[in-house]
Amino acid sequence: MTTKTLLLLRHAKSSWDDPGLEDFDRPLNARGRKAATRMGRLLREKSIAIDLVQCSPSIRTRETAKRVFAEQKCSPRINYLDDLYHASPDQITQILCQIAEPNSCVMVIGHNPGFAEFLDRVTGVCDSFPTSALAWIELKLDRWNQFSEQTRGELKQMWRPRDLEVE
C-alpha cells in the first residue's frame, strides 16, 4: 500500500474590525497576513510539493491561500468548495474521498472546530488547532476514494505560528 499526504491548514487570523461584515466576508488582519506568509515560507523551506488544494471559499481562507502560495515556485491547483465553509469532519471526509488521482499530496484550507475534530478522528490527537496551524498527516491509502470515516493516519508534524519566527 502506498501513502497519501494530507495537509490541513487552518485559515490565518481574521479581522473583527468591521462588525457589519458577515463571518464569510472577514479578511485577514495584519498578524494573519504575516503568519500565512510564514507558513508559505515553511512549505518552501521543507520542499513540500502540493498537488492540489481544496479551500473554503471564505475571504479569510482565500487570502490565506493567496499568501501561502505567493512565493512558491510552482503553485498547485486550488479548488474553492462551498462545502468546506465551516465543514464538519464528515464533510471533510466526503471531500477527500472524491479527490481524483494522481494527487499524492493534498492540502485542505478551512476552519475550526471541524479541523480539530477531524484531526482527532483521523490521528487520535486531540490538540488545539489555532489559526494558521498546519498539520501534516500521512495516510496509508492507494487512492483517495478509499478514504472513509474509518481511515486512520499518523500526525507527522504540527506547525503553529507561535512556534515559527514571524517577521
Protein backbone atom coordinates (compact mmCIF):
# COMPACT_ATOMS: atom_id res chain seq x y z
CA MET A 1 0.00 0.00 0.00
CA THR A 2 1.24 3.47 -0.84
CA THR A 3 0.76 6.61 1.18
CA LYS A 4 -1.02 9.89 0.66
CA THR A 5 -0.10 13.12 2.37
CA LEU A 6 -2.84 15.31 3.77
CA LEU A 7 -2.02 18.83 4.92
CA LEU A 8 -4.65 20.66 6.94
CA LEU A 9 -4.15 24.43 7.12
CA ARG A 10 -6.48 26.46 9.25
CA HIS A 11 -7.04 29.95 7.87
CA ALA A 12 -4.90 32.75 9.27
CA LYS A 13 -6.12 35.19 11.92
CA SER A 14 -9.01 37.26 10.64
CA SER A 15 -10.06 40.80 11.39
CA TRP A 16 -13.05 41.72 13.52
CA ASP A 17 -12.59 45.46 12.82
CA ASP A 18 -15.81 45.80 10.83
CA PRO A 19 -18.72 44.49 12.94
CA GLY A 20 -21.03 44.89 9.94
CA LEU A 21 -19.27 42.18 7.93
CA GLU A 22 -20.74 38.72 7.72
CA ASP A 23 -18.47 35.95 9.04
CA PHE A 24 -17.84 34.72 5.48
CA ASP A 25 -16.55 38.15 4.40
CA ARG A 26 -14.00 38.82 7.16
CA PRO A 27 -10.46 39.47 5.77
CA LEU A 28 -7.15 38.66 7.44
CA ASN A 29 -5.69 41.03 9.98
CA ALA A 30 -2.01 42.11 9.97
CA ARG A 31 -0.94 39.22 12.21
CA GLY A 32 -2.80 36.76 10.00
CA ARG A 33 -1.17 38.09 6.83
CA LYS A 34 2.29 37.65 8.37
CA ALA A 35 1.52 34.15 9.66
CA ALA A 36 0.14 32.98 6.29
CA THR A 37 3.25 34.27 4.53
CA ARG A 38 5.42 32.48 7.10
CA MET A 39 3.56 29.20 6.52
CA GLY A 40 4.20 29.58 2.81
CA ARG A 41 7.88 30.07 3.53
CA LEU A 42 7.83 26.93 5.70
CA LEU A 43 6.39 24.88 2.82
CA ARG A 44 9.13 26.17 0.54
CA GLU A 45 11.88 25.51 3.11
CA LYS A 46 10.62 21.96 3.69
CA SER A 47 10.26 21.40 -0.09
CA ILE A 48 6.68 20.20 0.36
CA ALA A 49 5.18 19.80 -3.09
CA ILE A 50 1.41 20.08 -3.00
CA ASP A 51 -0.55 18.65 -5.92
CA LEU A 52 -3.99 20.02 -5.10
CA VAL A 53 -5.61 22.45 -2.66
CA GLN A 54 -9.23 22.16 -1.56
CA CYS A 55 -10.15 25.50 0.03
CA SER A 56 -13.14 27.02 1.75
CA PRO A 57 -14.41 29.97 -0.31
CA SER A 58 -14.50 32.48 2.58
CA ILE A 59 -12.48 35.68 2.21
CA ARG A 60 -10.04 34.71 5.00
CA THR A 61 -9.33 31.27 3.54
CA ARG A 62 -8.85 32.72 0.04
CA GLU A 63 -6.44 35.33 1.42
CA THR A 64 -4.62 32.64 3.38
CA ALA A 65 -4.17 30.54 0.23
CA LYS A 66 -3.01 33.55 -1.78
CA ARG A 67 -0.33 34.43 0.79
CA VAL A 68 0.80 30.83 1.36
CA PHE A 69 1.38 30.24 -2.34
CA ALA A 70 2.58 33.73 -3.33
CA GLU A 71 6.25 32.78 -3.27
CA GLN A 72 6.07 29.12 -4.27
CA LYS A 73 7.97 28.09 -7.39
CA CYS A 74 5.05 26.01 -8.58
CA SER A 75 1.59 26.77 -7.22
CA PRO A 76 -0.89 23.92 -7.06
CA ARG A 77 -4.40 23.99 -8.49
CA ILE A 78 -6.82 25.48 -5.93
CA ASN A 79 -10.47 24.46 -5.81
CA TYR A 80 -12.85 26.62 -3.76
CA LEU A 81 -15.55 24.38 -2.34
CA ASP A 82 -18.68 25.72 -0.63
CA ASP A 83 -18.89 22.52 1.44
CA LEU A 84 -15.61 23.41 3.17
CA TYR A 85 -17.01 26.58 4.76
CA HIS A 86 -17.20 25.54 8.44
CA ALA A 87 -17.13 21.87 7.35
CA SER A 88 -17.71 19.07 9.83
CA PRO A 89 -15.40 16.04 9.94
CA ASP A 90 -17.98 14.13 7.87
CA GLN A 91 -17.99 16.85 5.19
CA ILE A 92 -14.18 16.88 5.09
CA THR A 93 -14.24 13.08 4.69
CA GLN A 94 -16.68 13.36 1.76
CA ILE A 95 -14.47 15.93 0.06
CA LEU A 96 -11.32 13.81 0.48
CA CYS A 97 -12.85 10.60 -0.86
CA GLN A 98 -13.82 12.44 -4.07
CA ILE A 99 -10.30 13.63 -4.92
CA ALA A 100 -9.13 12.49 -8.33
CA GLU A 101 -5.87 10.66 -8.93
CA PRO A 102 -2.96 11.12 -9.18
CA ASN A 103 -2.72 13.59 -6.31
CA SER A 104 -0.31 12.31 -3.69
CA CYS A 105 -0.19 15.47 -1.55
CA VAL A 106 -3.40 17.39 -0.89
CA MET A 107 -3.89 20.48 1.26
CA VAL A 108 -7.23 21.45 2.74
CA ILE A 109 -7.66 25.04 3.93
CA GLY A 110 -10.57 25.59 6.25
CA HIS A 111 -11.96 26.29 9.68
CA ASN A 112 -12.38 25.14 13.25
CA PRO A 113 -13.99 23.41 15.05
CA GLY A 114 -14.20 20.95 12.15
CA PHE A 115 -10.42 20.75 11.68
CA ALA A 116 -9.67 19.93 15.33
CA GLU A 117 -12.43 17.31 15.39
CA PHE A 118 -11.24 15.81 12.09
CA LEU A 119 -7.62 15.69 13.32
CA ASP A 120 -8.76 13.85 16.46
CA ARG A 121 -10.86 11.38 14.44
CA VAL A 122 -8.12 10.56 11.92
CA THR A 123 -5.00 10.65 14.10
CA GLY A 124 -6.27 10.28 17.65
CA VAL A 125 -4.50 13.53 18.51
CA CYS A 126 -6.86 15.83 20.39
CA ASP A 127 -4.99 19.10 20.27
CA SER A 128 -5.66 22.77 19.72
CA PHE A 129 -5.74 23.90 16.11
CA PRO A 130 -5.01 27.64 16.22
CA THR A 131 -5.26 29.97 13.25
CA SER A 132 -2.52 29.38 10.64
CA ALA A 133 -1.63 25.99 12.14
CA LEU A 134 -0.56 23.34 9.65
CA ALA A 135 -0.98 19.61 10.29
CA TRP A 136 0.90 17.04 8.19
CA ILE A 137 -0.85 13.66 8.15
CA GLU A 138 0.36 10.50 6.42
CA LEU A 139 -2.37 8.11 5.27
CA LYS A 140 -1.90 4.52 4.14
CA LEU A 141 -4.04 4.74 1.00
CA ASP A 142 -3.53 3.80 -2.62
CA ARG A 143 -6.33 6.06 -3.81
CA TRP A 144 -8.26 8.94 -2.27
CA ASN A 145 -11.57 7.19 -2.94
CA GLN A 146 -10.55 4.69 -0.23
CA PHE A 147 -10.71 7.45 2.40
CA SER A 148 -13.61 6.89 4.81
CA GLU A 149 -14.75 7.62 8.36
CA GLN A 150 -12.67 4.61 9.45
CA THR A 151 -9.44 5.85 7.86
CA ARG A 152 -6.67 6.49 10.35
CA GLY A 153 -3.43 8.33 9.74
CA GLU A 154 -0.29 9.41 11.51
CA LEU A 155 0.27 13.02 12.50
CA LYS A 156 3.84 13.57 11.31
CA GLN A 157 4.12 17.22 12.27
CA MET A 158 2.06 20.12 13.55
CA TRP A 159 3.37 23.62 12.95
CA ARG A 160 1.86 26.57 14.80
CA PRO A 161 2.71 30.20 14.02
CA ARG A 162 3.91 30.82 17.58
CA ASP A 163 6.50 28.06 17.09
CA LEU A 164 7.87 29.73 13.97
CA GLU A 165 9.65 33.00 13.50
CA VAL A 166 7.15 35.53 12.18
CA GLU A 167 8.77 38.60 10.73
